[in-house]
Amino acid sequence: MPRLVDVRIPGAGVAKLCYARDLDLRVGYKVVVETEHGEFVGKVALTPRRREPYIPPYDILRVVTQEDERDENANREMGRMVRIEAQKLARDHRVKDVAFIGCDISLDGSYIEVKYETNGKPDLGSVRRGLERRYEARVLFRRFTFIERSSDIGGCDDCGVPLCCSTWSGARSMGPVNVRLAKQQGVTPNDKIMGCCGEVKCCMRYEHDAYKEFKERAPFKNSVVKLEGKEGKVIDYSMVKDSVLIQFGPKRGERELVPLGRLVPENPNIVPADPEDWIQPGAPENGDAAPGGRGDVPSNGPPEAN
């Protein structure tokens, strides 16, 4: 498997997956990454490790040198001038309701990407042509959303770890994240599941497949199950404990959190996460099974000698 690393490239939003090759890379090291738009300076976000790529990785050319640092600093100053020039051109061509908030330039200066915010759909063609004439480079405008700004800035969430979107390249490759995913996991939409970007946290999508797989093994909610001669209704799930909450009577105290393994002997189509740890149908019964349904014999001390 290839040695891969996640690299944060300023202005690129979520971290990018790159080939680490045999380079000695640590978190925080600056590297030169070759992209489809040219060479850019990025910062290592996670420790390199061997794994299968889930998206096409970029190539890391080298660790940043002093010359690369000088070029990056010059491009940063040039980016400020590009933003000012873009604002002037927009005013001259009467382009309204647009704000230019960032500019990223490749190391050789052949590619300029200008980021902007707007509530409408402005025509920036005249501004782009003016910048290309002025700086003799290919210019691209990209609308920078609030979600992309959050991942580009970085920071920590209330879980205490850095934002997934700013350190992990796969944060946005798993599909859309919305309130529906939270409801399917049994979580009531509230402020705790909302990230710094104002959308549902990426970890809700990351954990969704585990909840989906658990529900395929567990009984449906509001279905009736049997346990040791009693019947009860499934009212809730506990995916972490591989269990379901069962209501055996009208009182609140008659609820019990039951592992799926204890339901297997009397209920078909239920599969626990660790089936080998539970008594299988047809196994010999010696009356010494543990109360939880496992086949271990409880030990209450050493056996008495005959």
C-alpha atoms as a PDB file:
ATOM      1  CA  MET A   1       0.000   0.000   0.000  1.00  0.00           C
ATOM      2  CA  PRO A   2       1.243   3.537  -0.714  1.00  0.00           C
ATOM      3  CA  ARG A   3       2.398   5.872   2.030  1.00  0.00           C
ATOM      4  CA  LEU A   4      -0.117   8.720   2.151  1.00  0.00           C
ATOM      5  CA  VAL A   5      -0.442  11.940   4.115  1.00  0.00           C
ATOM      6  CA  ASP A   6      -3.079  14.669   4.497  1.00  0.00           C
ATOM      7  CA  VAL A   7      -1.870  18.162   3.605  1.00  0.00           C
ATOM      8  CA  ARG A   8      -3.648  21.480   4.141  1.00  0.00           C
ATOM      9  CA  ILE A   9      -3.185  23.824   1.189  1.00  0.00           C
ATOM     10  CA  PRO A  10      -4.250  27.411   2.004  1.00  0.00           C
ATOM     11  CA  GLY A  11      -7.382  28.365   0.127  1.00  0.00           C
ATOM     12  CA  ALA A  12      -8.111  24.798  -1.000  1.00  0.00           C
ATOM     13  CA  GLY A  13     -10.690  24.105   1.712  1.00  0.00           C
ATOM     14  CA  VAL A  14     -10.566  20.542   3.001  1.00  0.00           C
ATOM     15  CA  ALA A  15      -7.153  18.886   3.403  1.00  0.00           C
ATOM     16  CA  LYS A  16      -5.773  17.077   0.348  1.00  0.00           C
ATOM     17  CA  LEU A  17      -4.536  13.492   0.169  1.00  0.00           C
ATOM     18  CA  CYS A  18      -0.934  13.243  -1.077  1.00  0.00           C
ATOM     19  CA  TYR A  19       1.750  10.644  -1.704  1.00  0.00           C
ATOM     20  CA  ALA A  20       4.336  10.932   1.079  1.00  0.00           C
ATOM     21  CA  ARG A  21       6.846   8.677  -0.703  1.00  0.00           C
ATOM     22  CA  ASP A  22      10.008   8.281   1.403  1.00  0.00           C
ATOM     23  CA  LEU A  23      10.062  11.871   2.698  1.00  0.00           C
ATOM     24  CA  ASP A  24      10.539  12.477   6.423  1.00  0.00           C
ATOM     25  CA  LEU A  25       7.309  14.347   7.181  1.00  0.00           C
ATOM     26  CA  ARG A  26       5.941  15.479  10.544  1.00  0.00           C
ATOM     27  CA  VAL A  27       2.774  17.340  11.426  1.00  0.00           C
ATOM     28  CA  GLY A  28       3.329  21.030  10.692  1.00  0.00           C
ATOM     29  CA  TYR A  29       6.036  20.557   8.060  1.00  0.00           C
ATOM     30  CA  LYS A  30       5.634  22.697   4.937  1.00  0.00           C
ATOM     31  CA  VAL A  31       5.795  20.879   1.599  1.00  0.00           C
ATOM     32  CA  VAL A  32       5.430  21.725  -2.096  1.00  0.00           C
ATOM     33  CA  VAL A  33       2.433  19.928  -3.634  1.00  0.00           C
ATOM     34  CA  GLU A  34       1.858  19.518  -7.362  1.00  0.00           C
ATOM     35  CA  THR A  35      -1.814  20.039  -8.266  1.00  0.00           C
ATOM     36  CA  GLU A  36      -3.739  20.352 -11.513  1.00  0.00           C
ATOM     37  CA  HIS A  37      -3.272  24.137 -11.286  1.00  0.00           C
ATOM     38  CA  GLY A  38       0.437  24.193 -10.476  1.00  0.00           C
ATOM     39  CA  GLU A  39       2.703  23.952  -7.454  1.00  0.00           C
ATOM     40  CA  PHE A  40       1.442  25.177  -4.066  1.00  0.00           C
ATOM     41  CA  VAL A  41       2.857  25.240  -0.548  1.00  0.00           C
ATOM     42  CA  GLY A  42       0.905  23.193   1.997  1.00  0.00           C
ATOM     43  CA  LYS A  43       1.263  22.088   5.603  1.00  0.00           C
ATOM     44  CA  VAL A  44       1.197  18.473   6.825  1.00  0.00           C
ATOM     45  CA  ALA A  45      -1.979  17.926   8.855  1.00  0.00           C
ATOM     46  CA  LEU A  46      -1.713  14.246   9.872  1.00  0.00           C
ATOM     47  CA  THR A  47       1.125  11.767  10.337  1.00  0.00           C
ATOM     48  CA  PRO A  48       1.874   9.778   7.153  1.00  0.00           C
ATOM     49  CA  ARG A  49       0.790   6.120   7.116  1.00  0.00           C
ATOM     50  CA  ARG A  50       0.242   3.332   4.625  1.00  0.00           C
ATOM     51  CA  ARG A  51      -3.355   2.975   3.428  1.00  0.00           C
ATOM     52  CA  GLU A  52      -5.488   2.587   0.344  1.00  0.00           C
ATOM     53  CA  PRO A  53      -6.302   5.910  -1.377  1.00  0.00           C
ATOM     54  CA  TYR A  54     -10.023   6.754  -1.414  1.00  0.00           C
ATOM     55  CA  ILE A  55      -9.511   9.744  -3.747  1.00  0.00           C
ATOM     56  CA  PRO A  56      -6.777  10.429  -6.349  1.00  0.00           C
ATOM     57  CA  PRO A  57      -3.778  11.706  -4.330  1.00  0.00           C
ATOM     58  CA  TYR A  58      -1.525  14.600  -5.279  1.00  0.00           C
ATOM     59  CA  ASP A  59       2.272  14.367  -5.453  1.00  0.00           C
ATOM     60  CA  ILE A  60       4.554  15.992  -2.894  1.00  0.00           C
ATOM     61  CA  LEU A  61       7.617  17.262  -4.722  1.00  0.00           C
ATOM     62  CA  ARG A  62       9.785  18.288  -1.783  1.00  0.00           C
ATOM     63  CA  VAL A  63       9.945  19.844   1.637  1.00  0.00           C
ATOM     64  CA  VAL A  64       9.828  23.645   1.390  1.00  0.00           C
ATOM     65  CA  THR A  65      13.189  25.307   0.797  1.00  0.00           C
ATOM     66  CA  GLN A  66      14.251  28.891   1.551  1.00  0.00           C
ATOM     67  CA  GLU A  67      13.669  29.826  -2.074  1.00  0.00           C
ATOM     68  CA  ASP A  68      10.135  28.407  -1.872  1.00  0.00           C
ATOM     69  CA  GLU A  69       9.560  30.476   1.270  1.00  0.00           C
ATOM     70  CA  ARG A  70      10.635  33.656  -0.516  1.00  0.00           C
ATOM     71  CA  ASP A  71       8.368  32.907  -3.472  1.00  0.00           C
ATOM     72  CA  GLU A  72       5.447  32.174  -1.134  1.00  0.00           C
ATOM     73  CA  ASN A  73       5.922  35.451   0.749  1.00  0.00           C
ATOM     74  CA  ALA A  74       6.115  37.403  -2.523  1.00  0.00           C
ATOM     75  CA  ASN A  75       2.937  35.692  -3.771  1.00  0.00           C
ATOM     76  CA  ARG A  76       1.170  36.572  -0.532  1.00  0.00           C
ATOM     77  CA  GLU A  77       1.941  40.260  -1.059  1.00  0.00           C
ATOM     78  CA  MET A  78       0.914  39.949  -4.689  1.00  0.00           C
ATOM     79  CA  GLY A  79      -2.366  38.364  -3.618  1.00  0.00           C
ATOM     80  CA  ARG A  80      -3.260  41.464  -1.581  1.00  0.00           C
ATOM     81  CA  MET A  81      -2.689  43.638  -4.636  1.00  0.00           C
ATOM     82  CA  VAL A  82      -4.766  41.299  -6.812  1.00  0.00           C
ATOM     83  CA  ARG A  83      -7.724  41.611  -4.422  1.00  0.00           C
ATOM     84  CA  ILE A  84      -7.479  45.403  -4.451  1.00  0.00           C
ATOM     85  CA  GLU A  85      -7.215  45.460  -8.242  1.00  0.00           C
ATOM     86  CA  ALA A  86     -10.197  43.092  -8.566  1.00  0.00           C
ATOM     87  CA  GLN A  87     -12.292  45.371  -6.352  1.00  0.00           C
ATOM     88  CA  LYS A  88     -11.366  48.389  -8.513  1.00  0.00           C
ATOM     89  CA  LEU A  89     -12.239  46.547 -11.731  1.00  0.00           C
ATOM     90  CA  ALA A  90     -15.563  45.439 -10.258  1.00  0.00           C
ATOM     91  CA  ARG A  91     -16.368  49.044  -9.364  1.00  0.00           C
ATOM     92  CA  ASP A  92     -15.331  50.297 -12.818  1.00  0.00           C
ATOM     93  CA  HIS A  93     -17.514  47.700 -14.568  1.00  0.00           C
ATOM     94  CA  ARG A  94     -20.381  48.259 -12.117  1.00  0.00           C
ATOM     95  CA  VAL A  95     -20.343  44.734 -10.703  1.00  0.00           C
ATOM     96  CA  LYS A  96     -22.266  44.958  -7.445  1.00  0.00           C
ATOM     97  CA  ASP A  97     -22.833  42.769  -4.363  1.00  0.00           C
ATOM     98  CA  VAL A  98     -19.495  40.962  -4.534  1.00  0.00           C
ATOM     99  CA  ALA A  99     -16.605  40.927  -2.055  1.00  0.00           C
ATOM    100  CA  PHE A 100     -13.168  39.511  -2.839  1.00  0.00           C
ATOM    101  CA  ILE A 101     -11.930  37.786   0.299  1.00  0.00           C
ATOM    102  CA  GLY A 102      -8.846  35.811  -0.717  1.00  0.00           C
ATOM    103  CA  CYS A 103      -6.296  35.077  -3.394  1.00  0.00           C
ATOM    104  CA  ASP A 104      -3.995  32.078  -3.889  1.00  0.00           C
ATOM    105  CA  ILE A 105      -1.145  32.047  -6.392  1.00  0.00           C
ATOM    106  CA  SER A 106       0.966  29.132  -7.598  1.00  0.00           C
ATOM    107  CA  LEU A 107       4.685  29.239  -6.834  1.00  0.00           C
ATOM    108  CA  ASP A 108       5.623  30.194 -10.391  1.00  0.00           C
ATOM    109  CA  GLY A 109       2.872  32.862 -10.569  1.00  0.00           C
ATOM    110  CA  SER A 110       1.192  31.322 -13.637  1.00  0.00           C
ATOM    111  CA  TYR A 111      -2.124  30.618 -11.880  1.00  0.00           C
ATOM    112  CA  ILE A 112      -4.203  32.994  -9.731  1.00  0.00           C
ATOM    113  CA  GLU A 113      -7.349  31.925  -7.919  1.00  0.00           C
ATOM    114  CA  VAL A 114      -9.497  34.717  -6.507  1.00  0.00           C
ATOM    115  CA  LYS A 115     -12.141  33.846  -3.918  1.00  0.00           C
ATOM    116  CA  TYR A 116     -15.262  35.906  -3.495  1.00  0.00           C
ATOM    117  CA  GLU A 117     -18.539  36.067  -1.597  1.00  0.00           C
ATOM    118  CA  THR A 118     -21.890  37.132  -3.009  1.00  0.00           C
ATOM    119  CA  ASN A 119     -25.601  36.589  -2.590  1.00  0.00           C
ATOM    120  CA  GLY A 120     -26.308  36.779  -6.310  1.00  0.00           C
ATOM    121  CA  LYS A 121     -24.769  35.644  -9.597  1.00  0.00           C
ATOM    122  CA  PRO A 122     -22.476  38.462 -10.737  1.00  0.00           C
ATOM    123  CA  ASP A 123     -20.801  38.443 -14.159  1.00  0.00           C
ATOM    124  CA  LEU A 124     -17.081  38.571 -13.390  1.00  0.00           C
ATOM    125  CA  GLY A 125     -15.853  38.041 -16.949  1.00  0.00           C
ATOM    126  CA  SER A 126     -14.699  41.626 -17.399  1.00  0.00           C
ATOM    127  CA  VAL A 127     -12.884  41.553 -14.042  1.00  0.00           C
ATOM    128  CA  ARG A 128     -11.148  38.291 -14.943  1.00  0.00           C
ATOM    129  CA  ARG A 129      -9.965  39.612 -18.307  1.00  0.00           C
ATOM    130  CA  GLY A 130      -8.615  42.777 -16.681  1.00  0.00           C
ATOM    131  CA  LEU A 131      -6.614  40.754 -14.142  1.00  0.00           C
ATOM    132  CA  GLU A 132      -5.206  38.446 -16.814  1.00  0.00           C
ATOM    133  CA  ARG A 133      -3.983  41.444 -18.832  1.00  0.00           C
ATOM    134  CA  ARG A 134      -2.450  43.040 -15.749  1.00  0.00           C
ATOM    135  CA  TYR A 135      -0.636  40.001 -14.303  1.00  0.00           C
ATOM    136  CA  GLU A 136      -0.178  37.834 -17.451  1.00  0.00           C
ATOM    137  CA  ALA A 137      -1.478  34.727 -15.675  1.00  0.00           C
ATOM    138  CA  ARG A 138      -4.467  32.426 -15.828  1.00  0.00           C
ATOM    139  CA  VAL A 139      -7.138  33.759 -13.443  1.00  0.00           C
ATOM    140  CA  LEU A 140      -9.995  31.744 -11.960  1.00  0.00           C
ATOM    141  CA  PHE A 141     -12.781  33.032  -9.689  1.00  0.00           C
ATOM    142  CA  ARG A 142     -14.187  30.660  -7.080  1.00  0.00           C
ATOM    143  CA  ARG A 143     -17.099  31.317  -4.808  1.00  0.00           C
ATOM    144  CA  PHE A 144     -15.916  30.583  -1.286  1.00  0.00           C
ATOM    145  CA  THR A 145     -18.690  29.261   0.933  1.00  0.00           C
ATOM    146  CA  PHE A 146     -18.793  29.488   4.702  1.00  0.00           C
ATOM    147  CA  ILE A 147     -18.139  25.741   4.973  1.00  0.00           C
ATOM    148  CA  GLU A 148     -14.937  26.063   2.940  1.00  0.00           C
ATOM    149  CA  ARG A 149     -13.807  29.030   5.010  1.00  0.00           C
ATOM    150  CA  SER A 150     -14.225  27.004   8.210  1.00  0.00           C
ATOM    151  CA  SER A 151     -12.092  24.141   6.908  1.00  0.00           C
ATOM    152  CA  ASP A 152      -9.492  26.570   5.552  1.00  0.00           C
ATOM    153  CA  ILE A 153      -9.154  28.473   8.825  1.00  0.00           C
ATOM    154  CA  GLY A 154      -9.162  25.346  11.013  1.00  0.00           C
ATOM    155  CA  GLY A 155      -9.614  25.189  14.778  1.00  0.00           C
ATOM    156  CA  CYS A 156     -11.106  22.802  17.327  1.00  0.00           C
ATOM    157  CA  ASP A 157     -14.693  21.704  17.835  1.00  0.00           C
ATOM    158  CA  ASP A 158     -16.422  21.078  21.165  1.00  0.00           C
ATOM    159  CA  CYS A 159     -15.157  17.469  21.076  1.00  0.00           C
ATOM    160  CA  GLY A 160     -11.670  18.830  21.757  1.00  0.00           C
ATOM    161  CA  VAL A 161      -9.940  17.701  18.551  1.00  0.00           C
ATOM    162  CA  PRO A 162      -9.114  19.680  15.372  1.00  0.00           C
ATOM    163  CA  LEU A 163     -11.877  20.016  12.794  1.00  0.00           C
ATOM    164  CA  CYS A 164     -12.196  16.902  10.628  1.00  0.00           C
ATOM    165  CA  CYS A 165     -12.538  18.981   7.453  1.00  0.00           C
ATOM    166  CA  SER A 166      -9.267  20.820   8.149  1.00  0.00           C
ATOM    167  CA  THR A 167      -7.139  17.747   8.918  1.00  0.00           C
ATOM    168  CA  TRP A 168      -8.694  14.786   7.089  1.00  0.00           C
ATOM    169  CA  SER A 169      -8.925  14.677   3.303  1.00  0.00           C
ATOM    170  CA  GLY A 170     -11.884  12.273   3.351  1.00  0.00           C
ATOM    171  CA  ALA A 171     -14.179  14.504   5.390  1.00  0.00           C
ATOM    172  CA  ARG A 172     -16.153  15.706   2.354  1.00  0.00           C
ATOM    173  CA  SER A 173     -15.809  12.629   0.130  1.00  0.00           C
ATOM    174  CA  MET A 174     -18.355  10.482   1.993  1.00  0.00           C
ATOM    175  CA  GLY A 175     -21.435  12.225   0.676  1.00  0.00           C
ATOM    176  CA  PRO A 176     -23.816  14.927   1.883  1.00  0.00           C
ATOM    177  CA  VAL A 177     -24.261  15.707   5.562  1.00  0.00           C
ATOM    178  CA  ASN A 178     -27.721  16.824   6.636  1.00  0.00           C
ATOM    179  CA  VAL A 179     -30.271  16.642   9.439  1.00  0.00           C
ATOM    180  CA  ARG A 180     -31.794  13.476   7.960  1.00  0.00           C
ATOM    181  CA  LEU A 181     -28.652  11.531   8.866  1.00  0.00           C
ATOM    182  CA  ALA A 182     -28.944  12.677  12.472  1.00  0.00           C
ATOM    183  CA  LYS A 183     -32.571  11.576  12.660  1.00  0.00           C
ATOM    184  CA  GLN A 184     -31.690   8.153  11.250  1.00  0.00           C
ATOM    185  CA  GLN A 185     -29.156   7.764  14.059  1.00  0.00           C
ATOM    186  CA  GLY A 186     -31.778   8.625  16.663  1.00  0.00           C
ATOM    187  CA  VAL A 187     -30.298  12.048  17.451  1.00  0.00           C
ATOM    188  CA  THR A 188     -32.655  14.973  17.886  1.00  0.00           C
ATOM    189  CA  PRO A 189     -31.398  17.955  15.838  1.00  0.00           C
ATOM    190  CA  ASN A 190     -29.872  20.503  18.209  1.00  0.00           C
ATOM    191  CA  ASP A 191     -26.886  22.817  18.536  1.00  0.00           C
ATOM    192  CA  LYS A 192     -24.610  19.968  19.689  1.00  0.00           C
ATOM    193  CA  ILE A 193     -24.624  18.283  16.279  1.00  0.00           C
ATOM    194  CA  MET A 194     -23.945  21.529  14.394  1.00  0.00           C
ATOM    195  CA  GLY A 195     -20.345  22.293  13.453  1.00  0.00           C
ATOM    196  CA  CYS A 196     -18.446  25.576  13.318  1.00  0.00           C
ATOM    197  CA  CYS A 197     -19.558  26.013   9.699  1.00  0.00           C
ATOM    198  CA  GLY A 198     -23.233  26.012  10.694  1.00  0.00           C
ATOM    199  CA  GLU A 199     -23.937  22.618   9.073  1.00  0.00           C
ATOM    200  CA  VAL A 200     -24.319  19.149  10.581  1.00  0.00           C
ATOM    201  CA  LYS A 201     -20.945  17.796  11.730  1.00  0.00           C
ATOM    202  CA  CYS A 202     -18.996  15.606   9.318  1.00  0.00           C
ATOM    203  CA  CYS A 203     -18.676  12.889  11.989  1.00  0.00           C
ATOM    204  CA  MET A 204     -22.429  12.259  11.701  1.00  0.00           C
ATOM    205  CA  ARG A 205     -21.835  11.063   8.132  1.00  0.00           C
ATOM    206  CA  TYR A 206     -18.699   9.146   9.138  1.00  0.00           C
ATOM    207  CA  GLU A 207     -20.666   7.138  11.736  1.00  0.00           C
ATOM    208  CA  HIS A 208     -23.762   6.667   9.563  1.00  0.00           C
ATOM    209  CA  ASP A 209     -22.662   3.387   7.974  1.00  0.00           C
ATOM    210  CA  ALA A 210     -22.100   1.834  11.422  1.00  0.00           C
ATOM    211  CA  TYR A 211     -25.641   2.773  12.494  1.00  0.00           C
ATOM    212  CA  LYS A 212     -27.048   1.483   9.212  1.00  0.00           C
ATOM    213  CA  GLU A 213     -25.284  -1.861   9.637  1.00  0.00           C
ATOM    214  CA  PHE A 214     -26.527  -2.157  13.252  1.00  0.00           C
ATOM    215  CA  LYS A 215     -30.141  -1.545  12.242  1.00  0.00           C
ATOM    216  CA  GLU A 216     -29.895  -4.316   9.643  1.00  0.00           C
ATOM    217  CA  ARG A 217     -28.951  -6.769  12.423  1.00  0.00           C
ATOM    218  CA  ALA A 218     -31.297  -5.498  15.130  1.00  0.00           C
ATOM    219  CA  PRO A 219     -35.105  -5.839  15.427  1.00  0.00           C
ATOM    220  CA  PHE A 220     -37.265  -2.949  14.206  1.00  0.00           C
ATOM    221  CA  LYS A 221     -38.443  -0.286  16.623  1.00  0.00           C
ATOM    222  CA  ASN A 222     -41.929  -0.948  18.066  1.00  0.00           C
ATOM    223  CA  SER A 223     -41.609  -4.631  17.149  1.00  0.00           C
ATOM    224  CA  VAL A 224     -42.374  -7.316  19.753  1.00  0.00           C
ATOM    225  CA  VAL A 225     -39.539  -9.619  20.832  1.00  0.00           C
ATOM    226  CA  LYS A 226     -39.296 -12.549  23.239  1.00  0.00           C
ATOM    227  CA  LEU A 227     -36.776 -12.942  26.021  1.00  0.00           C
ATOM    228  CA  GLU A 228     -36.780 -15.846  28.487  1.00  0.00           C
ATOM    229  CA  GLY A 229     -40.511 -16.384  28.142  1.00  0.00           C
ATOM    230  CA  LYS A 230     -41.422 -12.695  28.360  1.00  0.00           C
ATOM    231  CA  GLU A 231     -42.575 -10.429  25.548  1.00  0.00           C
ATOM    232  CA  GLY A 232     -41.599  -6.796  25.173  1.00  0.00           C
ATOM    233  CA  LYS A 233     -41.537  -3.949  22.675  1.00  0.00           C
ATOM    234  CA  VAL A 234     -38.341  -2.465  21.254  1.00  0.00           C
ATOM    235  CA  ILE A 235     -38.399   1.272  21.981  1.00  0.00           C
ATOM    236  CA  ASP A 236     -34.830   2.412  21.351  1.00  0.00           C
ATOM    237  CA  TYR A 237     -31.354   1.412  20.143  1.00  0.00           C
ATOM    238  CA  SER A 238     -27.861   1.487  21.626  1.00  0.00           C
ATOM    239  CA  MET A 239     -25.489   0.918  18.739  1.00  0.00           C
ATOM    240  CA  VAL A 240     -22.383   1.421  20.881  1.00  0.00           C
ATOM    241  CA  LYS A 241     -23.430  -1.407  23.253  1.00  0.00           C
ATOM    242  CA  ASP A 242     -24.922  -3.524  20.424  1.00  0.00           C
ATOM    243  CA  SER A 243     -28.168  -3.587  22.393  1.00  0.00           C
ATOM    244  CA  VAL A 244     -31.819  -2.571  22.233  1.00  0.00           C
ATOM    245  CA  LEU A 245     -34.012  -1.019  24.922  1.00  0.00           C
ATOM    246  CA  ILE A 246     -37.084  -3.169  25.552  1.00  0.00           C
ATOM    247  CA  GLN A 247     -40.266  -2.197  27.405  1.00  0.00           C
ATOM    248  CA  PHE A 248     -41.646  -5.286  29.231  1.00  0.00           C
ATOM    249  CA  GLY A 249     -44.541  -3.595  31.019  1.00  0.00           C
ATOM    250  CA  PRO A 250     -46.465  -0.343  31.391  1.00  0.00           C
ATOM    251  CA  LYS A 251     -44.111   1.111  34.013  1.00  0.00           C
ATOM    252  CA  ARG A 252     -40.903   2.979  33.230  1.00  0.00           C
ATOM    253  CA  GLY A 253     -38.990   0.706  35.586  1.00  0.00           C
ATOM    254  CA  GLU A 254     -39.851  -2.295  33.429  1.00  0.00           C
ATOM    255  CA  ARG A 255     -37.403  -1.263  30.715  1.00  0.00           C
ATOM    256  CA  GLU A 256     -34.241  -3.229  30.120  1.00  0.00           C
ATOM    257  CA  LEU A 257     -31.229  -2.739  27.865  1.00  0.00           C
ATOM    258  CA  VAL A 258     -30.734  -6.150  26.267  1.00  0.00           C
ATOM    259  CA  PRO A 259     -27.747  -7.203  24.102  1.00  0.00           C
ATOM    260  CA  LEU A 260     -28.690  -8.624  20.720  1.00  0.00           C
ATOM    261  CA  GLY A 261     -26.972 -11.890  21.625  1.00  0.00           C
ATOM    262  CA  ARG A 262     -29.550 -12.638  24.334  1.00  0.00           C
ATOM    263  CA  LEU A 263     -32.377 -12.263  21.802  1.00  0.00           C
ATOM    264  CA  VAL A 264     -30.954 -14.696  19.232  1.00  0.00           C
ATOM    265  CA  PRO A 265     -32.343 -18.013  20.649  1.00  0.00           C
ATOM    266  CA  GLU A 266     -35.994 -16.872  20.625  1.00  0.00           C
ATOM    267  CA  ASN A 267     -36.052 -14.330  17.783  1.00  0.00           C
ATOM    268  CA  PRO A 268     -35.063 -15.057  14.167  1.00  0.00           C
ATOM    269  CA  ASN A 269     -33.119 -12.702  11.885  1.00  0.00           C
ATOM    270  CA  ILE A 270     -31.208 -11.054  14.742  1.00  0.00           C
ATOM    271  CA  VAL A 271     -27.415 -11.108  14.445  1.00  0.00           C
ATOM    272  CA  PRO A 272     -25.138  -9.886  17.261  1.00  0.00           C
ATOM    273  CA  ALA A 273     -21.852  -8.164  16.519  1.00  0.00           C
ATOM    274  CA  ASP A 274     -19.941 -11.037  18.175  1.00  0.00           C
ATOM    275  CA  PRO A 275     -22.010 -14.178  17.426  1.00  0.00           C
ATOM    276  CA  GLU A 276     -19.229 -16.517  18.548  1.00  0.00           C
ATOM    277  CA  ASP A 277     -19.543 -15.205  22.116  1.00  0.00           C
ATOM    278  CA  TRP A 278     -23.198 -16.213  22.444  1.00  0.00           C
ATOM    279  CA  ILE A 279     -24.943 -19.573  22.706  1.00  0.00           C
ATOM    280  CA  GLN A 280     -26.000 -20.733  19.276  1.00  0.00           C
ATOM    281  CA  PRO A 281     -29.314 -22.546  18.641  1.00  0.00           C
ATOM    282  CA  GLY A 282     -28.856 -26.270  19.163  1.00  0.00           C
ATOM    283  CA  ALA A 283     -26.004 -25.872  21.627  1.00  0.00           C
ATOM    284  CA  PRO A 284     -26.152 -28.258  24.640  1.00  0.00           C
ATOM    285  CA  GLU A 285     -27.874 -26.801  27.678  1.00  0.00           C
ATOM    286  CA  ASN A 286     -26.387 -27.794  31.029  1.00  0.00           C
ATOM    287  CA  GLY A 287     -28.281 -25.310  33.168  1.00  0.00           C
ATOM    288  CA  ASP A 288     -25.074 -23.502  34.035  1.00  0.00           C
ATOM    289  CA  ALA A 289     -25.332 -20.724  31.412  1.00  0.00           C
ATOM    290  CA  ALA A 290     -24.756 -17.238  32.691  1.00  0.00           C
ATOM    291  CA  PRO A 291     -27.857 -15.040  33.235  1.00  0.00           C
ATOM    292  CA  GLY A 292     -26.816 -12.891  30.259  1.00  0.00           C
ATOM    293  CA  GLY A 293     -27.252 -15.819  27.885  1.00  0.00           C
ATOM    294  CA  ARG A 294     -23.533 -16.520  27.416  1.00  0.00           C
ATOM    295  CA  GLY A 295     -22.183 -20.030  27.561  1.00  0.00           C
ATOM    296  CA  ASP A 296     -19.617 -19.303  30.261  1.00  0.00           C
ATOM    297  CA  VAL A 297     -20.001 -21.125  33.539  1.00  0.00           C
ATOM    298  CA  PRO A 298     -19.943 -18.670  36.458  1.00  0.00           C
ATOM    299  CA  SER A 299     -17.137 -19.249  38.854  1.00  0.00           C
ATOM    300  CA  ASN A 300     -18.037 -18.850  42.530  1.00  0.00           C
ATOM    301  CA  GLY A 301     -14.805 -20.292  43.827  1.00  0.00           C
ATOM    302  CA  PRO A 302     -12.728 -23.432  43.428  1.00  0.00           C
ATOM    303  CA  PRO A 303     -14.659 -26.701  42.989  1.00  0.00           C
ATOM    304  CA  GLU A 304     -14.963 -28.919  45.979  1.00  0.00           C
ATOM    305  CA  ALA A 305     -12.822 -32.001  45.970  1.00  0.00           C
ATOM    306  CA  ASN A 306     -14.645 -35.341  45.779  1.00  0.00           C
END
